[in-house]
Every structure is written in C-alpha cells, then in structure tokens.
N, C-alpha and C. Protein backbone atom coordinates (compact mmCIF):
# COMPACT_ATOMS: atom_id res chain seq x y z
N MET A 1 1.13 -1.23 0.11
CA MET A 1 -0.03 -0.14 0.37
C MET A 1 0.30 1.28 0.34
N ASN A 2 0.37 2.52 -0.81
CA ASN A 2 0.81 3.42 -1.03
C ASN A 2 0.29 4.58 -0.65
N LEU A 3 0.53 6.05 0.48
CA LEU A 3 -0.01 7.47 0.51
C LEU A 3 0.45 7.93 -0.49
N ALA A 4 -1.20 8.49 -0.54
CA ALA A 4 -1.06 9.67 -0.96
C ALA A 4 -1.84 10.77 -0.20
N LEU A 5 -1.01 11.52 -0.27
CA LEU A 5 -2.16 13.29 0.79
C LEU A 5 -2.14 14.36 -0.10
N PHE A 6 -3.02 14.62 0.21
CA PHE A 6 -3.72 15.88 -0.90
C PHE A 6 -3.90 17.01 0.25
N ASP A 7 -3.48 18.74 0.05
CA ASP A 7 -3.54 19.86 0.42
C ASP A 7 -4.96 19.35 -0.28
N LEU A 8 -5.84 20.86 0.43
CA LEU A 8 -7.40 20.88 0.26
C LEU A 8 -6.90 22.21 -0.72
N ASP A 9 -6.81 23.27 0.30
CA ASP A 9 -6.97 24.60 -0.59
C ASP A 9 -6.14 25.08 -1.77
N ASN A 10 -6.86 25.79 -2.72
CA ASN A 10 -5.93 26.46 -4.01
C ASN A 10 -4.92 25.04 -4.74
N THR A 11 -5.09 23.92 -4.03
CA THR A 11 -4.88 22.36 -4.69
C THR A 11 -5.93 21.76 -5.83
N LEU A 12 -6.62 21.19 -4.31
CA LEU A 12 -7.46 20.49 -5.50
C LEU A 12 -8.94 20.86 -5.33
N ILE A 13 -9.50 22.53 -5.14
CA ILE A 13 -10.00 23.76 -5.57
C ILE A 13 -9.02 24.53 -5.15
N ALA A 14 -10.28 25.00 -6.69
CA ALA A 14 -9.33 27.00 -7.26
C ALA A 14 -9.68 27.61 -6.09
N GLY A 15 -9.28 27.48 -4.99
CA GLY A 15 -9.52 28.88 -4.04
C GLY A 15 -9.11 28.40 -2.51
N ASP A 16 -9.79 29.12 -0.91
CA ASP A 16 -9.46 28.97 -0.12
C ASP A 16 -10.24 29.05 0.62
N SER A 17 -11.46 27.53 0.40
CA SER A 17 -11.73 28.07 1.53
C SER A 17 -12.19 28.12 3.25
N ASP A 18 -11.02 28.37 3.70
CA ASP A 18 -11.40 29.39 5.07
C ASP A 18 -11.64 30.95 4.26
N PHE A 19 -10.98 31.10 3.57
CA PHE A 19 -11.68 32.82 2.78
C PHE A 19 -12.63 32.71 2.30
N GLN A 20 -13.29 31.58 1.55
CA GLN A 20 -14.57 31.72 1.32
C GLN A 20 -15.44 31.63 2.27
N TRP A 21 -15.23 30.81 3.17
CA TRP A 21 -16.19 30.54 3.89
C TRP A 21 -17.08 32.56 5.04
N ALA A 22 -15.43 32.74 5.91
CA ALA A 22 -15.54 33.75 6.39
C ALA A 22 -16.42 35.14 5.35
N GLN A 23 -15.71 35.33 4.15
CA GLN A 23 -17.11 35.88 3.25
C GLN A 23 -18.39 35.19 2.97
N PHE A 24 -18.21 34.42 2.84
CA PHE A 24 -19.91 33.96 2.98
C PHE A 24 -20.87 34.39 3.93
N LEU A 25 -20.18 34.28 5.14
CA LEU A 25 -20.85 34.40 6.19
C LEU A 25 -21.18 35.89 6.54
N ILE A 26 -19.83 36.94 5.71
CA ILE A 26 -20.61 38.23 6.02
C ILE A 26 -21.25 38.39 4.79
N GLU A 27 -20.99 38.02 3.89
CA GLU A 27 -22.54 37.98 2.78
C GLU A 27 -24.27 37.84 3.67
N LYS A 28 -23.71 37.00 4.69
CA LYS A 28 -25.00 36.12 5.13
C LYS A 28 -25.26 36.97 6.60
N LYS A 29 -24.50 38.40 6.29
CA LYS A 29 -24.95 39.12 7.27
C LYS A 29 -24.26 38.53 8.69
N ALA A 30 -23.51 37.68 8.64
CA ALA A 30 -23.69 36.35 10.15
C ALA A 30 -21.96 37.39 11.06
N LEU A 31 -21.47 37.83 9.93
CA LEU A 31 -20.14 38.80 10.20
C LEU A 31 -20.29 39.99 9.92
N ASP A 32 -19.88 41.45 10.60
CA ASP A 32 -20.10 43.35 10.39
C ASP A 32 -19.67 42.62 8.90
N ARG A 33 -19.67 42.82 7.73
CA ARG A 33 -18.54 42.98 6.72
C ARG A 33 -17.34 44.50 7.34
N GLU A 34 -18.03 45.26 8.49
CA GLU A 34 -16.93 46.28 7.70
C GLU A 34 -15.56 45.91 8.68
N LEU A 35 -15.77 44.94 9.87
CA LEU A 35 -15.24 45.04 10.95
C LEU A 35 -14.16 43.22 10.52
N HIS A 36 -14.87 42.75 9.68
CA HIS A 36 -14.20 41.21 9.28
C HIS A 36 -13.29 41.13 7.76
N GLU A 37 -14.54 42.08 6.62
CA GLU A 37 -13.33 41.92 5.46
C GLU A 37 -11.99 42.24 5.71
N ALA A 38 -12.13 43.41 5.95
CA ALA A 38 -10.64 43.84 5.60
C ALA A 38 -9.48 42.88 6.45
N ARG A 39 -10.04 42.17 8.04
CA ARG A 39 -9.32 41.68 7.78
C ARG A 39 -8.85 40.35 7.59
N ASN A 40 -10.15 39.53 7.16
CA ASN A 40 -10.40 38.48 6.59
C ASN A 40 -9.32 38.46 5.18
N ILE A 41 -8.75 39.52 4.51
CA ILE A 41 -8.31 39.76 3.79
C ILE A 41 -6.78 39.31 3.98
N GLU A 42 -6.55 40.54 5.03
CA GLU A 42 -5.53 40.28 6.02
C GLU A 42 -4.57 39.01 5.44
N PHE A 43 -5.24 38.22 6.58
CA PHE A 43 -5.51 36.90 7.29
C PHE A 43 -4.42 36.38 6.23
N TYR A 44 -5.34 36.84 4.68
CA TYR A 44 -5.29 35.22 3.88
C TYR A 44 -4.02 35.68 3.12
N GLU A 45 -3.78 37.26 2.96
CA GLU A 45 -2.69 37.94 2.58
C GLU A 45 -1.27 37.38 2.96
N GLN A 46 -1.45 37.29 4.79
CA GLN A 46 -0.76 36.82 5.64
C GLN A 46 0.47 35.14 4.76
N TYR A 47 -0.62 34.56 5.45
CA TYR A 47 -1.22 32.38 4.53
C TYR A 47 0.46 32.47 3.06
N LYS A 48 -0.69 33.50 2.44
CA LYS A 48 0.14 33.53 0.63
C LYS A 48 1.17 33.79 1.08
N ALA A 49 1.98 34.45 1.90
CA ALA A 49 3.30 35.19 2.07
C ALA A 49 4.26 34.07 3.22
N GLY A 50 3.44 33.26 4.06
CA GLY A 50 4.08 32.11 4.69
C GLY A 50 4.26 33.60 6.06
N THR A 51 3.74 33.98 6.30
CA THR A 51 4.08 35.03 7.66
C THR A 51 2.72 34.92 8.68
N LEU A 52 1.52 33.62 8.40
CA LEU A 52 0.37 34.02 9.21
C LEU A 52 0.46 33.44 10.54
N ASP A 53 0.20 34.50 11.46
CA ASP A 53 0.46 33.29 12.96
C ASP A 53 -0.82 32.71 13.32
N ILE A 54 -0.80 31.62 12.42
CA ILE A 54 -2.28 30.64 12.98
C ILE A 54 -2.72 30.31 13.92
N HIS A 55 -2.52 30.56 15.37
CA HIS A 55 -3.35 31.10 16.44
C HIS A 55 -3.86 32.24 16.28
N GLU A 56 -3.61 33.38 16.09
CA GLU A 56 -4.24 34.45 15.66
C GLU A 56 -5.41 34.15 14.69
N PHE A 57 -5.30 33.91 13.64
CA PHE A 57 -5.68 33.69 12.61
C PHE A 57 -7.18 32.43 13.19
N LEU A 58 -7.07 31.74 13.79
CA LEU A 58 -7.34 30.75 14.11
C LEU A 58 -8.19 31.63 15.54
N ASP A 59 -8.06 32.35 15.81
CA ASP A 59 -8.71 32.89 17.31
C ASP A 59 -10.06 33.91 16.37
N PHE A 60 -9.81 34.59 15.26
CA PHE A 60 -10.11 34.88 13.81
C PHE A 60 -11.40 34.42 13.60
N GLN A 61 -10.72 33.37 12.62
CA GLN A 61 -11.74 32.10 12.34
C GLN A 61 -12.56 31.49 12.83
N LEU A 62 -12.14 30.90 14.10
CA LEU A 62 -13.47 29.83 14.93
C LEU A 62 -14.59 30.71 15.55
N LYS A 63 -14.02 31.72 16.53
CA LYS A 63 -14.97 32.65 17.13
C LYS A 63 -16.39 32.69 16.50
N PRO A 64 -16.79 32.72 15.39
CA PRO A 64 -17.83 32.71 14.30
C PRO A 64 -18.51 31.96 14.67
N LEU A 65 -18.54 30.20 14.97
CA LEU A 65 -18.69 28.98 15.26
C LEU A 65 -19.45 29.31 16.00
N ALA A 66 -18.38 29.63 17.60
CA ALA A 66 -19.73 30.22 18.80
C ALA A 66 -20.52 30.66 18.49
N ARG A 67 -21.01 31.55 18.45
CA ARG A 67 -22.12 32.49 17.93
C ARG A 67 -23.04 32.45 17.61
N HIS A 68 -23.36 31.02 16.80
CA HIS A 68 -24.21 30.44 16.31
C HIS A 68 -24.88 29.31 16.62
N PRO A 69 -25.68 28.70 16.49
CA PRO A 69 -26.54 27.60 16.92
C PRO A 69 -25.62 26.41 16.05
N ARG A 70 -25.00 25.49 16.46
CA ARG A 70 -24.86 24.60 15.27
C ARG A 70 -25.23 24.15 13.89
N ALA A 71 -27.36 24.06 14.82
CA ALA A 71 -28.26 23.78 13.42
C ALA A 71 -27.90 24.78 12.67
N GLN A 72 -27.68 26.23 12.61
CA GLN A 72 -27.43 27.10 11.12
C GLN A 72 -26.34 27.04 10.46
N LEU A 73 -25.37 26.54 11.61
CA LEU A 73 -24.44 26.84 10.78
C LEU A 73 -24.23 25.79 9.73
N GLU A 74 -24.97 24.85 10.16
CA GLU A 74 -24.66 24.06 9.14
C GLU A 74 -25.73 24.25 7.98
N ALA A 75 -26.67 24.47 8.58
CA ALA A 75 -27.85 25.19 7.38
C ALA A 75 -26.88 25.98 6.04
N TRP A 76 -25.99 26.92 6.47
CA TRP A 76 -25.20 27.75 6.05
C TRP A 76 -24.61 26.92 5.38
N ARG A 77 -23.36 26.14 5.98
CA ARG A 77 -22.10 25.09 5.10
C ARG A 77 -23.09 24.55 4.32
N LYS A 78 -24.35 23.94 4.08
CA LYS A 78 -24.96 23.06 3.03
C LYS A 78 -25.04 24.30 1.33
N GLU A 79 -25.38 25.60 2.25
CA GLU A 79 -25.56 26.70 1.18
C GLU A 79 -24.24 26.87 0.56
N PHE A 80 -23.06 26.94 1.36
CA PHE A 80 -22.13 27.21 1.22
C PHE A 80 -21.25 26.22 0.13
N MET A 81 -21.40 25.34 0.39
CA MET A 81 -21.10 23.95 -0.34
C MET A 81 -21.51 23.81 -1.97
N THR A 82 -22.63 24.75 -2.37
CA THR A 82 -23.44 24.79 -3.38
C THR A 82 -23.05 26.20 -4.14
N GLN A 83 -23.17 27.03 -3.56
CA GLN A 83 -22.22 28.18 -3.65
C GLN A 83 -20.72 28.48 -3.59
N ARG A 84 -20.13 28.65 -3.34
CA ARG A 84 -18.68 28.48 -2.81
C ARG A 84 -18.18 27.76 -3.11
N ILE A 85 -17.87 26.07 -3.37
CA ILE A 85 -17.33 25.40 -3.54
C ILE A 85 -17.26 23.81 -4.29
N THR A 86 -18.08 23.83 -4.63
CA THR A 86 -18.43 22.54 -6.28
C THR A 86 -18.35 23.40 -6.95
N PRO A 87 -18.16 25.26 -7.38
CA PRO A 87 -18.12 25.72 -8.71
C PRO A 87 -15.71 25.96 -8.68
N ILE A 88 -15.56 25.48 -8.08
CA ILE A 88 -14.02 25.81 -7.37
C ILE A 88 -13.33 24.53 -7.73
N ILE A 89 -14.30 23.33 -7.69
CA ILE A 89 -13.36 22.07 -7.74
C ILE A 89 -12.73 22.14 -9.06
N ALA A 90 -11.39 21.87 -8.33
CA ALA A 90 -10.48 21.46 -9.71
C ALA A 90 -10.92 20.68 -11.14
N ARG A 91 -10.59 21.28 -11.96
CA ARG A 91 -11.02 20.43 -13.14
C ARG A 91 -10.44 19.01 -13.51
N GLY A 92 -8.68 19.02 -12.99
CA GLY A 92 -8.60 17.63 -12.48
C GLY A 92 -8.63 17.46 -11.02
N THR A 93 -9.10 17.38 -10.07
CA THR A 93 -9.54 17.06 -9.09
C THR A 93 -9.46 15.12 -9.32
N ARG A 94 -10.86 15.35 -9.74
CA ARG A 94 -11.63 13.82 -9.50
C ARG A 94 -10.68 12.40 -10.37
N GLU A 95 -9.71 12.87 -11.10
CA GLU A 95 -9.18 11.86 -12.02
C GLU A 95 -8.27 11.81 -11.20
N LEU A 96 -7.37 13.08 -10.76
CA LEU A 96 -6.50 12.09 -9.79
C LEU A 96 -6.51 11.48 -8.64
N VAL A 97 -7.85 11.62 -8.06
CA VAL A 97 -7.89 11.21 -7.18
C VAL A 97 -8.22 9.71 -7.41
N GLU A 98 -8.97 9.63 -8.27
CA GLU A 98 -9.45 8.56 -8.45
C GLU A 98 -8.61 8.11 -8.59
N ARG A 99 -7.69 7.89 -10.10
CA ARG A 99 -6.18 7.52 -9.44
C ARG A 99 -5.13 6.30 -8.89
N HIS A 100 -5.90 7.47 -7.88
CA HIS A 100 -4.93 6.78 -6.42
C HIS A 100 -5.71 6.29 -6.36
N LYS A 101 -7.00 6.60 -5.94
CA LYS A 101 -7.63 4.93 -5.56
C LYS A 101 -7.91 4.15 -5.76
N LEU A 102 -8.05 3.81 -7.24
CA LEU A 102 -7.61 2.80 -8.47
C LEU A 102 -6.48 1.73 -7.78
N ASP A 103 -5.46 2.83 -7.23
CA ASP A 103 -3.92 1.63 -7.53
C ASP A 103 -4.38 1.26 -5.84
N GLY A 104 -5.13 1.23 -5.21
CA GLY A 104 -5.56 1.04 -3.64
C GLY A 104 -4.48 1.86 -3.04
N ASP A 105 -4.58 3.23 -3.42
CA ASP A 105 -3.30 4.12 -2.71
C ASP A 105 -4.09 4.52 -0.50
N LEU A 106 -3.98 4.60 0.05
CA LEU A 106 -4.25 5.41 1.43
C LEU A 106 -4.98 6.64 0.88
N CYS A 107 -5.45 7.43 0.63
CA CYS A 107 -5.62 8.86 0.28
C CYS A 107 -6.19 9.74 1.86
N ILE A 108 -5.50 10.51 2.30
CA ILE A 108 -6.09 11.75 3.16
C ILE A 108 -6.24 13.24 2.98
N ILE A 109 -7.00 13.31 2.80
CA ILE A 109 -6.79 15.34 2.82
C ILE A 109 -6.49 16.41 3.64
N ILE A 110 -4.89 16.27 3.87
CA ILE A 110 -4.34 17.33 5.17
C ILE A 110 -4.36 18.58 5.27
N THR A 111 -5.77 19.31 5.66
CA THR A 111 -5.91 20.81 5.72
C THR A 111 -5.52 21.84 7.22
N ALA A 112 -5.31 23.01 7.10
CA ALA A 112 -5.35 24.08 7.82
C ALA A 112 -6.67 24.34 8.47
N THR A 113 -7.63 24.14 7.04
CA THR A 113 -8.80 24.69 7.39
C THR A 113 -9.47 23.76 8.08
N ASN A 114 -10.47 24.38 9.48
CA ASN A 114 -11.44 23.80 9.99
C ASN A 114 -11.76 22.57 9.64
N SER A 115 -12.12 21.82 10.44
CA SER A 115 -13.40 20.25 9.99
C SER A 115 -14.72 20.81 9.44
N PHE A 116 -14.92 21.52 10.68
CA PHE A 116 -16.69 21.82 10.08
C PHE A 116 -16.41 21.98 8.39
N VAL A 117 -15.62 23.03 7.77
CA VAL A 117 -16.08 23.93 6.87
C VAL A 117 -15.30 22.79 5.88
N THR A 118 -14.63 21.59 6.03
CA THR A 118 -13.59 20.66 5.13
C THR A 118 -14.90 19.37 5.29
N ALA A 119 -15.19 19.42 6.21
CA ALA A 119 -15.23 17.09 6.20
C ALA A 119 -16.47 17.93 4.66
N PRO A 120 -17.52 17.99 4.32
CA PRO A 120 -18.64 17.97 3.26
C PRO A 120 -17.55 18.51 2.33
N ILE A 121 -16.23 18.62 1.72
CA ILE A 121 -15.88 18.53 0.65
C ILE A 121 -14.83 17.93 0.25
N ALA A 122 -14.65 16.84 1.53
CA ALA A 122 -13.91 15.24 1.24
C ALA A 122 -14.73 14.64 1.01
N HIS A 123 -15.77 14.47 2.09
CA HIS A 123 -16.93 13.77 1.37
C HIS A 123 -17.13 14.03 -0.22
N ALA A 124 -17.51 15.01 -0.50
CA ALA A 124 -17.56 15.55 -1.94
C ALA A 124 -16.92 15.17 -3.37
N LEU A 125 -15.60 15.13 -2.41
CA LEU A 125 -14.26 14.36 -3.54
C LEU A 125 -14.18 12.89 -3.31
N GLY A 126 -15.04 11.72 -2.83
CA GLY A 126 -14.52 10.84 -2.85
C GLY A 126 -13.43 10.32 -1.75
N ILE A 127 -13.09 11.11 -0.46
CA ILE A 127 -12.16 10.81 -0.04
C ILE A 127 -12.42 11.46 1.53
N GLU A 128 -11.99 9.47 2.08
CA GLU A 128 -12.48 9.19 3.62
C GLU A 128 -11.43 9.64 4.69
N HIS A 129 -10.82 10.39 4.14
CA HIS A 129 -10.00 10.45 5.49
C HIS A 129 -9.18 12.04 5.09
N LEU A 130 -9.96 12.53 6.79
CA LEU A 130 -9.83 13.93 6.48
C LEU A 130 -8.74 14.33 8.28
N ILE A 131 -7.26 15.17 7.49
CA ILE A 131 -7.12 15.64 8.96
C ILE A 131 -6.68 16.83 8.73
N ALA A 132 -7.06 18.14 9.91
CA ALA A 132 -8.27 19.44 9.49
C ALA A 132 -7.97 19.48 10.90
N THR A 133 -7.41 21.26 11.43
CA THR A 133 -8.01 21.94 12.51
C THR A 133 -8.93 21.52 12.69
N GLU A 134 -9.04 21.16 14.05
CA GLU A 134 -10.41 21.17 14.85
C GLU A 134 -10.99 21.80 15.61
N PRO A 135 -12.22 22.27 15.70
CA PRO A 135 -12.47 22.95 16.04
C PRO A 135 -13.37 22.59 17.23
N GLU A 136 -13.12 23.23 19.03
CA GLU A 136 -12.92 22.91 20.19
C GLU A 136 -15.09 23.02 19.77
N GLU A 137 -15.47 21.57 20.86
CA GLU A 137 -17.26 21.89 21.01
C GLU A 137 -17.18 21.34 22.19
N LYS A 138 -18.21 21.58 23.04
CA LYS A 138 -18.85 21.76 23.93
C LYS A 138 -20.15 21.32 23.93
N ASP A 139 -20.89 20.39 24.95
CA ASP A 139 -22.10 19.43 24.46
C ASP A 139 -22.57 19.96 23.10
N GLY A 140 -21.96 19.72 21.67
CA GLY A 140 -22.25 19.39 20.53
C GLY A 140 -22.23 20.51 19.62
N GLU A 141 -21.84 22.16 20.74
CA GLU A 141 -21.88 23.56 20.06
C GLU A 141 -20.49 23.84 19.89
N PHE A 142 -19.70 24.70 18.94
CA PHE A 142 -18.36 25.42 19.11
C PHE A 142 -18.18 26.09 20.52
N THR A 143 -16.14 26.14 21.16
CA THR A 143 -17.09 27.11 21.79
C THR A 143 -16.05 28.34 21.23
N GLY A 144 -15.53 28.32 20.16
CA GLY A 144 -14.44 29.54 19.41
C GLY A 144 -13.15 29.25 19.39
N ARG A 145 -12.75 28.17 20.59
CA ARG A 145 -11.40 27.60 20.60
C ARG A 145 -11.31 26.71 19.60
N VAL A 146 -9.40 26.35 19.07
CA VAL A 146 -9.39 25.30 18.80
C VAL A 146 -9.18 23.87 19.58
N SER A 147 -9.09 22.73 19.26
CA SER A 147 -8.74 21.72 19.82
C SER A 147 -7.63 21.22 19.14
N GLY A 148 -6.69 20.63 19.87
CA GLY A 148 -4.90 20.30 19.70
C GLY A 148 -4.45 21.08 18.93
N THR A 149 -3.40 20.59 17.64
CA THR A 149 -2.61 21.18 17.24
C THR A 149 -2.84 21.65 16.08
N PRO A 150 -2.86 22.49 15.83
CA PRO A 150 -3.09 22.92 13.94
C PRO A 150 -2.51 22.35 12.74
N SER A 151 -3.20 22.09 12.43
CA SER A 151 -2.79 20.65 10.61
C SER A 151 -2.67 21.56 10.01
N PHE A 152 -1.20 22.74 10.76
CA PHE A 152 -0.51 24.03 9.63
C PHE A 152 0.88 23.78 9.64
N ARG A 153 1.70 24.23 8.42
CA ARG A 153 3.33 23.95 8.59
C ARG A 153 3.84 22.62 9.32
N GLU A 154 4.16 22.39 10.28
CA GLU A 154 5.50 21.89 11.28
C GLU A 154 4.02 21.22 11.68
N GLY A 155 2.74 21.44 12.04
CA GLY A 155 1.78 20.60 12.61
C GLY A 155 1.01 19.98 11.42
N LYS A 156 1.20 19.51 9.91
CA LYS A 156 0.89 19.13 9.10
C LYS A 156 1.51 17.56 9.87
N VAL A 157 2.36 17.12 9.91
CA VAL A 157 3.56 16.62 9.80
C VAL A 157 3.42 15.70 11.27
N GLU A 158 3.06 16.77 12.70
CA GLU A 158 2.53 15.46 13.29
C GLU A 158 1.54 15.49 13.70
N ARG A 159 0.17 16.36 13.00
CA ARG A 159 -1.27 15.24 13.31
C ARG A 159 -1.13 14.19 12.14
N LEU A 160 0.27 13.88 11.55
CA LEU A 160 0.09 13.58 10.05
C LEU A 160 -0.07 11.95 11.09
N GLU A 161 1.39 12.33 11.50
CA GLU A 161 1.87 10.96 11.90
C GLU A 161 1.35 10.41 13.56
N LYS A 162 0.78 11.35 14.04
CA LYS A 162 -0.58 10.83 15.82
C LYS A 162 -1.08 9.55 14.72
N TRP A 163 -1.85 10.19 13.41
CA TRP A 163 -3.14 9.60 12.90
C TRP A 163 -2.43 8.02 12.11
N LEU A 164 -1.65 8.06 11.11
CA LEU A 164 -0.65 6.89 11.76
C LEU A 164 -0.72 6.42 11.74
N ASP A 165 -0.03 6.65 13.38
CA ASP A 165 0.29 6.15 14.61
C ASP A 165 -1.48 5.23 15.52
N ALA A 166 -1.60 5.76 15.55
CA ALA A 166 -3.46 5.47 16.01
C ALA A 166 -4.25 4.16 15.07
N HIS A 167 -3.20 4.18 13.97
CA HIS A 167 -4.34 3.18 12.47
C HIS A 167 -3.18 2.69 12.99
N ASN A 168 -2.11 2.17 13.62
CA ASN A 168 -0.55 1.63 13.31
C ASN A 168 -0.19 1.51 11.64
N LEU A 169 -0.08 2.71 11.71
CA LEU A 169 0.90 2.70 10.38
C LEU A 169 2.33 3.61 11.24
N THR A 170 3.34 4.11 9.82
CA THR A 170 4.11 4.80 10.28
C THR A 170 4.26 5.07 8.86
N TRP A 171 5.79 5.76 8.35
CA TRP A 171 5.81 5.99 7.18
C TRP A 171 6.80 5.05 6.73
N LEU A 172 7.51 3.61 7.29
CA LEU A 172 7.54 3.12 7.15
C LEU A 172 6.78 1.78 5.98
N SER A 173 5.57 2.01 6.86
CA SER A 173 4.27 0.88 5.90
C SER A 173 4.30 1.25 4.48
N PHE A 174 4.31 2.15 3.95
CA PHE A 174 4.08 2.67 2.51
C PHE A 174 6.00 2.79 1.60
N LEU A 175 5.94 1.61 0.72
CA LEU A 175 6.97 2.10 -0.09
C LEU A 175 7.10 3.66 -0.74
N ARG A 176 5.59 4.02 -1.24
CA ARG A 176 5.76 5.69 -1.75
C ARG A 176 5.22 5.81 -1.09
N SER A 177 4.42 7.38 -1.03
CA SER A 177 4.22 8.63 -0.50
C SER A 177 3.49 9.84 -1.24
N TRP A 178 2.50 10.53 -1.43
CA TRP A 178 2.88 11.45 -1.93
C TRP A 178 1.77 12.72 -1.32
N PHE A 179 3.12 14.24 -1.79
CA PHE A 179 1.22 14.80 -1.06
C PHE A 179 1.89 16.36 -2.16
N TYR A 180 0.71 16.42 -2.44
CA TYR A 180 -0.27 17.26 -3.42
C TYR A 180 -0.23 19.09 -2.69
N SER A 181 0.72 19.87 -3.25
CA SER A 181 0.25 20.97 -2.13
C SER A 181 0.59 22.54 -3.29
N ASP A 182 0.13 23.97 -2.85
CA ASP A 182 0.35 23.97 -3.70
C ASP A 182 0.83 25.55 -2.66
N SER A 183 1.06 24.85 -1.86
CA SER A 183 2.10 26.26 -0.72
C SER A 183 2.73 26.67 -0.45
N LEU A 184 3.86 27.38 -0.53
CA LEU A 184 5.40 27.18 0.58
C LEU A 184 4.95 26.66 2.07
N ASN A 185 3.97 27.26 2.54
CA ASN A 185 3.28 26.63 3.67
C ASN A 185 3.84 25.35 3.86
N ASP A 186 2.96 24.58 3.24
CA ASP A 186 3.38 22.62 3.20
C ASP A 186 5.15 22.23 2.39
N LEU A 187 6.14 23.28 2.57
CA LEU A 187 7.14 22.37 2.34
C LEU A 187 7.64 21.50 3.51
N PRO A 188 7.39 21.71 5.08
CA PRO A 188 7.61 20.97 5.93
C PRO A 188 7.17 19.59 5.59
N LEU A 189 6.07 18.82 5.47
CA LEU A 189 5.13 18.29 4.73
C LEU A 189 5.91 16.96 3.38
N LEU A 190 6.12 18.70 2.40
CA LEU A 190 6.49 17.84 1.35
C LEU A 190 7.24 17.59 1.41
N SER A 191 8.43 17.65 2.43
CA SER A 191 10.43 17.85 2.09
C SER A 191 10.05 16.04 2.99
N LYS A 192 8.69 15.62 3.02
CA LYS A 192 9.25 14.23 3.89
C LYS A 192 8.61 12.95 3.31
N VAL A 193 7.76 13.18 2.26
CA VAL A 193 7.44 12.03 1.43
C VAL A 193 8.16 11.76 -0.04
N THR A 194 7.86 10.47 -0.38
CA THR A 194 9.51 10.26 -1.46
C THR A 194 8.70 10.77 -2.16
N HIS A 195 7.54 11.06 -3.17
CA HIS A 195 7.45 11.73 -4.00
C HIS A 195 6.35 13.36 -3.59
N PRO A 196 7.12 13.96 -3.51
CA PRO A 196 6.36 15.56 -3.84
C PRO A 196 5.92 16.70 -5.22
N VAL A 197 4.63 16.67 -5.23
CA VAL A 197 4.76 17.23 -6.04
C VAL A 197 3.17 18.78 -6.15
N ALA A 198 4.41 19.72 -6.78
CA ALA A 198 3.85 21.16 -6.77
C ALA A 198 2.41 21.28 -7.61
N VAL A 199 1.41 21.46 -6.52
CA VAL A 199 0.30 21.79 -7.36
C VAL A 199 -0.43 23.24 -7.80
N ASP A 200 0.21 23.74 -8.64
CA ASP A 200 -0.77 25.36 -9.42
C ASP A 200 0.28 26.67 -8.20
N PRO A 201 1.39 25.99 -7.53
CA PRO A 201 1.94 26.77 -6.72
C PRO A 201 1.99 27.95 -6.68
N ASP A 202 2.32 28.18 -5.06
CA ASP A 202 2.89 30.06 -5.61
C ASP A 202 4.79 30.38 -5.63
N PRO A 203 5.24 30.93 -6.06
CA PRO A 203 6.35 31.19 -6.69
C PRO A 203 7.10 30.74 -5.69
N THR A 204 7.56 30.98 -4.24
CA THR A 204 8.00 30.54 -3.47
C THR A 204 8.55 28.43 -3.71
N LEU A 205 7.19 28.26 -3.91
CA LEU A 205 6.98 26.72 -3.68
C LEU A 205 7.40 26.34 -5.32
N LYS A 206 6.92 27.18 -5.89
CA LYS A 206 7.46 26.43 -8.08
C LYS A 206 9.12 27.01 -7.85
N SER A 207 9.61 27.93 -6.93
CA SER A 207 11.13 27.36 -7.18
C SER A 207 11.08 26.53 -6.41
N HIS A 208 11.77 26.13 -5.00
CA HIS A 208 11.83 25.39 -4.22
C HIS A 208 11.67 24.02 -4.95
N ALA A 209 10.33 23.85 -6.39
CA ALA A 209 10.19 22.55 -6.59
C ALA A 209 10.95 22.24 -7.92
N GLU A 210 11.31 23.26 -8.24
CA GLU A 210 12.05 23.39 -9.66
C GLU A 210 13.55 22.90 -9.27
N ARG A 211 14.13 23.63 -8.55
CA ARG A 211 15.34 23.30 -7.99
C ARG A 211 15.40 22.02 -7.23
N ASN A 212 14.43 21.66 -7.05
CA ASN A 212 15.14 19.62 -6.30
C ASN A 212 14.12 18.73 -7.31
N ASN A 213 13.58 19.50 -8.57
CA ASN A 213 13.47 18.86 -9.89
C ASN A 213 12.34 17.93 -9.14
N TRP A 214 11.29 18.63 -8.26
CA TRP A 214 9.99 17.93 -7.98
C TRP A 214 8.78 18.06 -8.70
N PRO A 215 7.71 17.32 -9.20
CA PRO A 215 6.92 17.46 -10.74
C PRO A 215 6.04 19.12 -10.26
N VAL A 216 6.08 19.44 -11.48
CA VAL A 216 4.82 20.42 -11.02
C VAL A 216 3.47 20.69 -12.39
N ILE A 217 2.80 20.23 -11.44
CA ILE A 217 1.66 19.93 -12.47
C ILE A 217 0.47 21.08 -12.21
N SER A 218 -0.71 21.53 -13.51
CA SER A 218 -1.89 21.98 -12.74
C SER A 218 -2.90 20.74 -13.25
N LEU A 219 -3.59 20.86 -12.08
CA LEU A 219 -4.99 20.00 -12.04
C LEU A 219 -6.43 21.75 -12.04
N ARG A 220 -6.18 23.19 -12.94
CA ARG A 220 -6.73 23.70 -13.59
C ARG A 220 -7.61 23.50 -14.72
C-alpha cells in the first residue's frame, strides 16, 4: 500500500475554503463586513506570504462558530458548499484522486482549514480520511477555540504521524508516498514524502520545486 496526501485549498479546489467561508458569512450578515472583511483579506495575504500566525488567525476564524447554533451553521454550510465550493473544484481533481484510489493507495486530505468547513468537501471528493484543524466543541456546540495542534506547517507532519500511529502505521508502512500542495507553508510535509508534487504552486514553492526537480502540475 502507498500513501497519497492532498492539500485542499488552492490545490484540489481553485480557491481557499477558509477565506471563502468568512466571505460567505459576511454576505449572510453573520459577520460584520466593516469589521471582518479587511481582516479576512489581511490574514489570507499573510498565509500566501508564509507569515501567518496560525493561532491569531484561528481566534479570528473559529469565534464565529461559537456565535450561532450548530443547526444554523450546518444549514449555512450546505448552502456554502453549493454556492462557493462545488464551482471551484479543480477540473483535474477527481481524475487524480480516482487514479490513486484505483491503485489502492491510502488517500488523505490534510488541511489547515477547520474540519467543520472541510468535512463535506472531502466527502464530495470521495476521500474518506481527513486531517484538519479541529474546532473545540462542548455539548455539541462550538466554543470558538481550537482543539489540539492546528494542521498547519510543521503541525501537518505532527498530526499526520499521530494519525498514522493511531492506525498502526508509520512512514515505513508505505513504499511510496505523495503529497500534492500549492503552498510554501507545506514545505515541511512535502519534504517528508518520497514524491512531493507542486500543484498550481505559489512562486516560492514553484522555485523550490524546480531547484529540487519536483514535478510541477496543474489541476485547473
């Protein structure tokens, strides 16, 4: 068995689900546009530049989950999937995922975006396993805080290795491993797999990939 890891935002989808979710909540008037839109854009630019403080961002991103009942959030999420996510699934995504599944590879989406937003996306793409940043819950509702290690930068490596250990697996369980990503923030995990692949990469990752003879592909 081999291992196929997929980043989500700007990799399997041609956009950022975290950013889009906040913009969607602004449009729903669940967030104040004047207070939140500029900050959302600022955090997204920091992410792309590799300067994001993940805990500061998660404080911004997860607090809105605590302000609304779970049932309302799930209704909004269903609408969000239809309006914002389905249209931006990259054209080559399903073919890539299906190829790995047909080969019998263990397929996992590993993303910094929280699991509330990303779980239905993974389901829509037919990928059973998801490692995402986990929002804290109490009595079925969100607290607005993060639970455990965010799945970001080195945190992706930590979270993956804990997931593998929980399933009685290690890196040595796989002859080959792939990680598909667009982002410089994923260099720690890209450097761990046997087959790192840059997908529609940002300039920093593209340059790194070219220097190291990593494949550079597009799914769009």
